[in-house]
Protein backbone atom coordinates (compact mmCIF):
# COMPACT_ATOMS: atom_id res chain seq x y z
CA UNK A 1 0.00 0.00 0.00
CA UNK A 2 1.34 3.44 -0.96
CA UNK A 3 0.69 5.75 1.99
CA UNK A 4 0.35 9.52 1.98
CA UNK A 5 3.59 11.51 2.37
CA UNK A 6 2.71 12.60 5.92
CA UNK A 7 2.11 9.01 7.04
CA UNK A 8 5.31 7.76 5.43
CA UNK A 9 7.38 10.41 7.16
CA UNK A 10 6.06 9.68 10.65
CA UNK A 11 5.89 5.88 10.47
CA UNK A 12 9.52 5.40 9.66
CA UNK A 13 11.28 3.07 9.92
CA UNK A 14 8.58 0.49 9.45
CA UNK A 15 7.56 -1.99 12.15
CA UNK A 16 10.26 -4.52 12.99
CA UNK A 17 10.04 -7.93 14.57
CA UNK A 18 12.00 -9.36 17.47
CA UNK A 19 11.92 -10.14 21.17
CA UNK A 20 12.67 -6.56 22.19
CA UNK A 21 11.45 -3.85 19.82
CA UNK A 22 11.59 -0.24 21.01
CA UNK A 23 9.19 2.43 19.78
CA UNK A 24 12.16 4.62 18.82
CA UNK A 25 14.98 2.85 17.01
CA UNK A 26 18.17 2.65 19.11
CA UNK A 27 21.35 4.44 18.12
CA UNK A 28 23.84 1.84 16.94
CA UNK A 29 26.79 3.82 18.26
CA UNK A 30 29.40 1.25 17.34
CA UNK A 31 32.37 1.17 15.02
CA UNK A 32 31.91 -2.50 14.14
CA UNK A 33 29.65 -5.54 14.49
CA UNK A 34 30.43 -8.88 16.13
CA UNK A 35 30.53 -12.28 14.40
CA UNK A 36 30.31 -15.70 16.05
CA UNK A 37 32.95 -17.41 13.90
CA UNK A 38 34.65 -17.25 10.49
CA UNK A 39 31.65 -18.76 8.74
CA UNK A 40 29.47 -16.06 10.28
CA UNK A 41 31.97 -13.43 9.09
CA UNK A 42 31.95 -14.86 5.58
CA UNK A 43 28.15 -14.61 5.54
CA UNK A 44 28.46 -10.81 5.34
CA UNK A 45 30.40 -11.04 2.09
CA UNK A 46 27.87 -13.55 0.79
CA UNK A 47 25.12 -10.97 1.32
CA UNK A 48 23.46 -12.88 4.17
CA UNK A 49 24.28 -10.27 6.85
CA UNK A 50 23.84 -6.51 6.61
CA UNK A 51 26.51 -5.06 8.87
CA UNK A 52 30.26 -5.38 9.26
CA UNK A 53 31.83 -1.98 9.94
CA UNK A 54 30.08 1.37 10.36
CA UNK A 55 32.04 3.05 7.56
CA UNK A 56 30.50 0.42 5.28
CA UNK A 57 26.97 0.45 6.68
CA UNK A 58 25.00 0.95 9.88
CA UNK A 59 21.28 0.51 10.72
CA UNK A 60 20.87 4.23 11.47
CA UNK A 61 22.53 5.50 8.30
CA UNK A 62 20.63 2.96 6.23
CA UNK A 63 17.37 4.17 7.78
CA UNK A 64 18.06 7.78 6.82
CA UNK A 65 19.02 6.93 3.25
CA UNK A 66 16.00 4.72 2.70
CA UNK A 67 13.65 7.06 4.55
CA UNK A 68 14.40 9.95 2.21
CA UNK A 69 14.32 7.62 -0.80
CA UNK A 70 10.85 6.47 0.25
CA UNK A 71 9.59 10.05 0.44
CA UNK A 72 11.14 10.86 -2.94
CA UNK A 73 9.61 7.77 -4.53
CA UNK A 74 13.08 6.39 -5.32
CA UNK A 75 14.13 2.75 -4.90
CA UNK A 76 17.40 3.37 -3.03
CA UNK A 77 19.23 6.01 -1.03
CA UNK A 78 22.51 6.50 0.79
CA UNK A 79 23.29 8.86 3.67
CA UNK A 80 26.59 10.75 3.74
CA UNK A 81 28.60 13.08 5.97
CA UNK A 82 27.29 16.29 4.36
CA UNK A 83 25.33 17.64 1.44
CA UNK A 84 28.53 18.24 -0.52
CA UNK A 85 29.76 14.67 0.05
CA UNK A 86 26.40 13.42 -1.22
CA UNK A 87 26.82 15.59 -4.33
CA UNK A 88 30.36 14.30 -4.86
CA UNK A 89 29.29 10.67 -4.46
CA UNK A 90 26.47 11.19 -6.95
CA UNK A 91 28.70 12.93 -9.48
CA UNK A 92 31.42 10.26 -9.23
CA UNK A 93 28.83 7.53 -9.73
CA UNK A 94 28.32 8.96 -13.23
CA UNK A 95 31.51 10.66 -14.42
CA UNK A 96 35.22 9.87 -14.47
CA UNK A 97 38.40 11.49 -15.77
CA UNK A 98 37.86 12.75 -19.31
CA UNK A 99 34.11 13.27 -18.88
CA UNK A 100 32.13 16.50 -18.98
CA UNK A 101 29.27 17.94 -16.92
CA UNK A 102 26.78 20.64 -17.92
CA UNK A 103 25.62 22.48 -14.78
CA UNK A 104 23.32 25.43 -14.19
CA UNK A 105 25.23 28.66 -13.66
CA UNK A 106 23.20 29.77 -10.62
CA UNK A 107 24.42 27.08 -8.24
CA UNK A 108 24.94 27.16 -4.49
CA UNK A 109 28.45 28.49 -3.87
CA UNK A 110 29.73 25.32 -2.21
CA UNK A 111 28.66 23.25 -5.22
CA UNK A 112 30.24 25.79 -7.56
CA UNK A 113 33.53 25.54 -5.65
CA UNK A 114 33.41 21.73 -5.84
CA UNK A 115 32.68 21.77 -9.56
CA UNK A 116 35.03 24.59 -10.55
CA UNK A 117 37.81 24.07 -8.02
CA UNK A 118 38.01 20.34 -7.32
CA UNK A 119 36.52 18.31 -10.18
CA UNK A 120 39.09 19.58 -12.71
CA UNK A 121 41.77 17.91 -10.54
CA UNK A 122 39.89 14.65 -11.15
CA UNK A 123 40.10 15.30 -14.89
CA UNK A 124 36.41 16.22 -15.06
CA UNK A 125 35.31 19.29 -17.03
CA UNK A 126 32.29 21.41 -16.10
CA UNK A 127 30.43 24.00 -18.17
CA UNK A 128 28.19 26.45 -16.29
CA UNK A 129 25.18 27.34 -18.41
CA UNK A 130 21.96 29.36 -18.27
CA UNK A 131 19.38 26.60 -17.71
CA UNK A 132 16.52 28.93 -18.60
CA UNK A 133 17.77 28.69 -22.20
CA UNK A 134 17.16 25.19 -23.59
CA UNK A 135 19.21 25.87 -26.71
CA UNK A 136 22.19 26.99 -24.63
CA UNK A 137 21.99 23.82 -22.55
CA UNK A 138 21.85 21.57 -25.60
CA UNK A 139 24.59 23.50 -27.40
CA UNK A 140 26.88 22.93 -24.41
CA UNK A 141 26.60 19.15 -24.67
CA UNK A 142 29.75 17.49 -26.00
CA UNK A 143 30.52 13.91 -27.07
CA UNK A 144 32.04 13.32 -23.60
CA UNK A 145 29.16 14.91 -21.64
CA UNK A 146 27.68 12.46 -19.12
CA UNK A 147 25.71 14.52 -16.60
CA UNK A 148 23.25 17.41 -16.39
CA UNK A 149 23.21 19.02 -12.94
CA UNK A 150 20.94 21.65 -11.41
CA UNK A 151 18.87 22.63 -8.35
CA UNK A 152 15.08 22.30 -8.18
CA UNK A 153 14.90 25.74 -6.53
CA UNK A 154 18.13 27.68 -6.91
CA UNK A 155 20.15 29.32 -4.17
CA UNK A 156 19.83 32.24 -3.41
CA UNK A 157 17.48 33.79 -6.02
CA UNK A 158 14.92 30.97 -5.83
CA UNK A 159 14.51 30.29 -9.53
CA UNK A 160 12.32 27.23 -10.09
CA UNK A 161 13.97 24.84 -12.54
CA UNK A 162 12.08 23.31 -15.46
CA UNK A 163 12.78 19.69 -14.52
CA UNK A 164 10.59 18.31 -17.28
CA UNK A 165 12.78 20.09 -19.83
CA UNK A 166 15.86 18.68 -18.13
CA UNK A 167 14.46 15.14 -18.35
CA UNK A 168 13.69 15.61 -22.04
CA UNK A 169 17.23 16.82 -22.79
CA UNK A 170 18.71 13.99 -20.75
CA UNK A 171 16.66 11.35 -22.54
CA UNK A 172 17.36 12.84 -25.97
CA UNK A 173 21.13 12.88 -25.45
CA UNK A 174 21.38 9.79 -23.21
CA UNK A 175 22.62 11.81 -20.21
CA UNK A 176 22.14 11.23 -16.49
CA UNK A 177 20.21 13.99 -14.72
CA UNK A 178 20.92 15.06 -11.14
CA UNK A 179 19.05 17.61 -9.03
CA UNK A 180 19.72 19.20 -5.64
CA UNK A 181 16.28 19.24 -4.00
CA UNK A 182 17.35 20.79 -0.68
CA UNK A 183 15.26 23.97 -0.92
CA UNK A 184 12.08 22.33 -2.17
CA UNK A 185 12.38 19.15 -0.04
CA UNK A 186 10.37 16.04 -0.92
CA UNK A 187 7.44 17.67 0.90
CA UNK A 188 7.01 20.05 -2.03
CA UNK A 189 8.68 18.33 -4.95
CA UNK A 190 9.83 14.81 -5.81
CA UNK A 191 12.09 15.04 -8.87
CA UNK A 192 12.67 11.30 -9.15
CA UNK A 193 8.98 10.79 -9.85
CA UNK A 194 9.28 13.28 -12.72
CA UNK A 195 12.12 11.28 -14.26
CA UNK A 196 15.30 12.72 -12.70
CA UNK A 197 17.92 9.99 -12.16
CA UNK A 198 19.60 11.24 -8.98
CA UNK A 199 18.26 13.55 -6.27
CA UNK A 200 20.50 14.99 -3.57
CA UNK A 201 19.75 16.73 -0.28
CA UNK A 202 21.74 18.59 2.28
CA UNK A 203 19.98 16.82 5.15
CA UNK A 204 21.55 19.45 7.38
CA UNK A 205 18.66 21.67 6.31
CA UNK A 206 14.96 20.74 6.26
CA UNK A 207 15.37 16.98 6.68
CA UNK A 208 17.22 17.35 9.99
CA UNK A 209 15.29 20.53 10.61
CA UNK A 210 16.70 21.48 14.02
CA UNK A 211 20.18 22.89 13.18
CA UNK A 212 21.87 20.10 15.13
CA UNK A 213 23.13 17.74 12.42
CA UNK A 214 25.38 17.91 9.35
CA UNK A 215 24.42 15.26 6.80
CA UNK A 216 23.62 14.53 3.17
CA UNK A 217 21.39 12.06 1.37
CA UNK A 218 21.50 10.86 -2.24
CA UNK A 219 18.60 8.89 -3.72
CA UNK A 220 17.75 7.62 -7.15
CA UNK A 221 18.31 4.85 -9.66
CA UNK A 222 19.36 1.62 -8.00
CA UNK A 223 22.42 1.08 -10.23
CA UNK A 224 23.71 4.60 -9.65
CA UNK A 225 23.11 4.50 -5.90
CA UNK A 226 25.09 1.24 -5.70
CA UNK A 227 28.02 3.00 -7.37
CA UNK A 228 27.59 6.07 -5.17
CA UNK A 229 27.55 3.97 -2.01
CA UNK A 230 30.86 2.38 -3.05
CA UNK A 231 32.29 5.90 -3.40
CA UNK A 232 31.00 6.84 0.05
CA UNK A 233 32.66 3.75 1.54
CA UNK A 234 35.97 4.08 -0.29
CA UNK A 235 36.28 7.84 0.20
CA UNK A 236 35.28 7.70 3.86
CA UNK A 237 32.29 10.00 3.38
CA UNK A 238 30.04 7.98 5.68
CA UNK A 239 27.69 9.57 8.22
CA UNK A 240 27.96 8.84 11.94
CA UNK A 241 25.17 6.75 13.54
CA UNK A 242 24.16 9.50 15.96
CA UNK A 243 23.80 12.15 13.27
CA UNK A 244 21.86 9.67 11.13
CA UNK A 245 19.56 9.04 14.09
CA UNK A 246 19.02 12.80 14.48
CA UNK A 247 18.26 13.03 10.76
CA UNK A 248 15.66 10.28 11.07
CA UNK A 249 14.09 12.05 14.04
CA UNK A 250 13.85 15.24 12.02
CA UNK A 251 12.33 13.42 9.07
CA UNK A 252 9.34 12.41 11.18
CA UNK A 253 8.29 16.03 11.72
CA UNK A 254 9.06 17.31 8.23
CA UNK A 255 5.42 17.65 7.16
CA UNK A 256 4.29 19.73 10.13
CA UNK A 257 7.42 21.87 10.05
CA UNK A 258 7.30 22.51 6.32
CA UNK A 259 3.61 23.39 6.40
CA UNK A 260 4.36 26.20 8.88
CA UNK A 261 7.62 27.24 7.20
CA UNK A 262 5.93 27.55 3.81
CA UNK A 263 2.91 29.44 5.14
CA UNK A 264 5.10 31.94 6.98
CA UNK A 265 7.41 32.44 4.00
CA UNK A 266 4.52 33.19 1.66
CA UNK A 267 3.14 35.70 4.13
CA UNK A 268 6.51 37.39 4.65
CA UNK A 269 7.13 37.66 0.90
CA UNK A 270 3.75 39.28 0.32
CA UNK A 271 4.18 41.71 3.22
CA UNK A 272 7.66 42.87 2.14
CA UNK A 273 6.67 43.70 -1.43
CA UNK A 274 6.40 47.45 -1.85
CA UNK A 275 8.12 48.25 1.45
CA UNK A 276 10.26 51.38 1.22
CA UNK A 277 13.93 50.39 1.19
CA UNK A 278 13.39 47.02 -0.52
CA UNK A 279 14.08 46.95 -4.25
CA UNK A 280 13.15 43.31 -5.00
CA UNK A 281 11.51 40.40 -3.21
CA UNK A 282 12.40 36.95 -4.53
CA UNK A 283 9.91 34.17 -3.84
CA UNK A 284 8.81 31.39 -6.23
CA UNK A 285 5.46 31.77 -7.97
CA UNK A 286 4.88 28.03 -8.14
CA UNK A 287 6.78 25.01 -6.85
CA UNK A 288 3.93 22.61 -6.07
CA UNK A 289 0.34 22.41 -4.89
CA UNK A 290 1.64 22.32 -1.31
CA UNK A 291 3.33 25.67 -1.57
CA UNK A 292 6.38 27.53 -2.79
CA UNK A 293 9.05 26.95 -0.21
CA UNK A 294 10.38 28.40 3.01
CA UNK A 295 13.06 30.70 1.63
CA UNK A 296 12.67 34.38 0.76
CA UNK A 297 15.41 36.62 -0.62
CA UNK A 298 15.27 40.40 -0.70
CA UNK A 299 17.41 42.98 -2.47
CA UNK A 300 17.67 46.20 -0.50
CA UNK A 301 17.69 49.58 -2.25
CA UNK A 302 21.09 51.17 -2.79
CA UNK A 303 20.09 53.76 -0.22
CA UNK A 304 19.40 51.12 2.44
CA UNK A 305 22.49 50.45 4.56
CA UNK A 306 23.14 46.69 4.65
CA UNK A 307 25.26 46.68 7.79
CA UNK A 308 22.66 48.67 9.69
CA UNK A 309 19.96 46.32 8.44
CA UNK A 310 21.76 43.26 9.80
CA UNK A 311 22.53 44.98 13.11
CA UNK A 312 18.87 45.97 13.51
CA UNK A 313 17.36 42.51 13.16
CA UNK A 314 16.86 42.12 16.90
CA UNK A 315 16.02 38.45 17.58
CA UNK A 316 16.63 37.18 14.02
CA UNK A 317 20.01 35.41 13.93
CA UNK A 318 22.70 35.90 11.28
CA UNK A 319 24.07 32.50 10.26
CA UNK A 320 25.76 30.96 7.18
CA UNK A 321 23.14 28.26 6.65
CA UNK A 322 19.35 27.79 6.66
CA UNK A 323 16.28 25.74 7.53
CA UNK A 324 16.20 25.61 11.31
CA UNK A 325 13.02 26.14 13.27
CA UNK A 326 13.94 29.77 13.88
CA UNK A 327 13.99 32.56 11.30
CA UNK A 328 17.54 33.42 10.25
CA UNK A 329 19.34 35.49 7.62
CA UNK A 330 22.51 35.11 5.63
CA UNK A 331 24.54 37.39 3.40
CA UNK A 332 25.22 35.44 0.17
CA UNK A 333 28.23 37.41 -1.08
CA UNK A 334 29.82 37.08 2.37
CA UNK A 335 29.10 33.38 2.94
CA UNK A 336 27.41 30.87 0.60
CA UNK A 337 28.45 32.60 -2.65
CA UNK A 338 31.68 34.23 -1.49
CA UNK A 339 33.87 31.99 -3.67
CA UNK A 340 31.95 32.65 -6.88
CA UNK A 341 33.73 35.22 -9.10
CA UNK A 342 32.29 38.70 -8.73
CA UNK A 343 31.59 38.96 -12.46
CA UNK A 344 29.45 35.82 -12.24
CA UNK A 345 27.65 37.09 -9.14
CA UNK A 346 26.86 40.36 -10.87
CA UNK A 347 25.55 38.54 -13.94
CA UNK A 348 23.26 36.41 -11.76
CA UNK A 349 22.05 39.34 -9.66
CA UNK A 350 23.77 38.28 -6.42
CA UNK A 351 24.61 41.80 -5.29
CA UNK A 352 25.96 43.39 -2.12
CA UNK A 353 22.37 44.38 -1.27
CA UNK A 354 21.02 40.80 -1.40
CA UNK A 355 19.80 39.15 1.81
CA UNK A 356 18.65 35.53 2.04
CA UNK A 357 15.97 34.78 4.62
CA UNK A 358 15.27 31.34 6.02
CA UNK A 359 11.76 31.68 7.38
CA UNK A 360 11.08 29.87 10.65
CA UNK A 361 7.98 28.64 12.41
CA UNK A 362 7.46 31.60 14.75
CA UNK A 363 4.38 33.80 14.69
CA UNK A 364 4.09 35.22 11.17
CA UNK A 365 3.37 38.79 12.32
CA UNK A 366 6.44 38.81 14.57
CA UNK A 367 8.59 37.74 11.63
CA UNK A 368 7.24 40.50 9.39
CA UNK A 369 7.66 43.11 12.11
CA UNK A 370 11.31 42.13 12.66
CA UNK A 371 12.19 42.76 9.00
CA UNK A 372 10.13 45.89 8.52
CA UNK A 373 11.69 47.62 11.51
CA UNK A 374 15.18 46.57 10.41
CA UNK A 375 14.60 48.07 6.96
CA UNK A 376 13.13 51.25 8.46
CA UNK A 377 16.17 51.73 10.70
CA UNK A 378 18.49 51.26 7.71
CA UNK A 379 17.04 54.02 5.54
């Protein structure tokens, strides 16, 4: 039976059998697992036992990988030490030295640094392209291109990607498609169901949801996830059991958290439009029937002092990440997109006046008041 998303998220992992079964799954805080004898040890390599060594696999990390895969409608998933390690594992499951990737130009800064700064050392080429232009994407495909990479909702300007177009290009040119679904989350969007081959999450964000875990999850095609898991094992990018357990705990409350996050974000975006001192408000027009996400970005007028704005935010915290229960802000050119060349930032509209807001679950009127008074004091 295929349950509703909300039911899947809460009733996870599924019921287990045994003499002693706890309501909450224990933390398997162990580096290794015990075998009775050499025949018992050999049974692991024969596929008859699941666990040998926590770098290879662990009940908690397996739960997180499969839990997100279940919500995404994918057959398999693997949990990793961070969102970037999940991206790297996914990329290396597809490409090798001599291969080429076509990626959207408006990527999260950490991903850009990985693609532009590290992958070339692996002998992997990357072209950064305007994914709003189908012709430009297709014209960038080479004989050695293997992967198309983008974000379902881009960071920080919240452009909603045309994933159907991406699937069509991938199928036409026999390319693997990979999407970072961190901002949308499986609550709003499930790219694998659309036809995307690999979906990646920084589970640090809305999956964990409480700002107390750093983790990543990659889900998708079974053959590619098998390759990605081998990369995770061999590169030592595994997630610790405790952080996996925290991720699973967060997953159970995703629906109720996201419902409030999304409602508050939509309200904040509408209330900030037309406010003196704010030049632009960025918020998606349509992501899914469930809403348009929990992130809002604003571009302050040139006459609005950015430093004063940040100092005047009162209870709203300034942090270099997003998606906790509390409303927070970040400064893209000073944190997430600091490593992107200034010429590229200017082309994309990531200016010194841009502020990224991660909308929390507080009272919606309190959130609006905090930003309006900060803008007013900055004029």
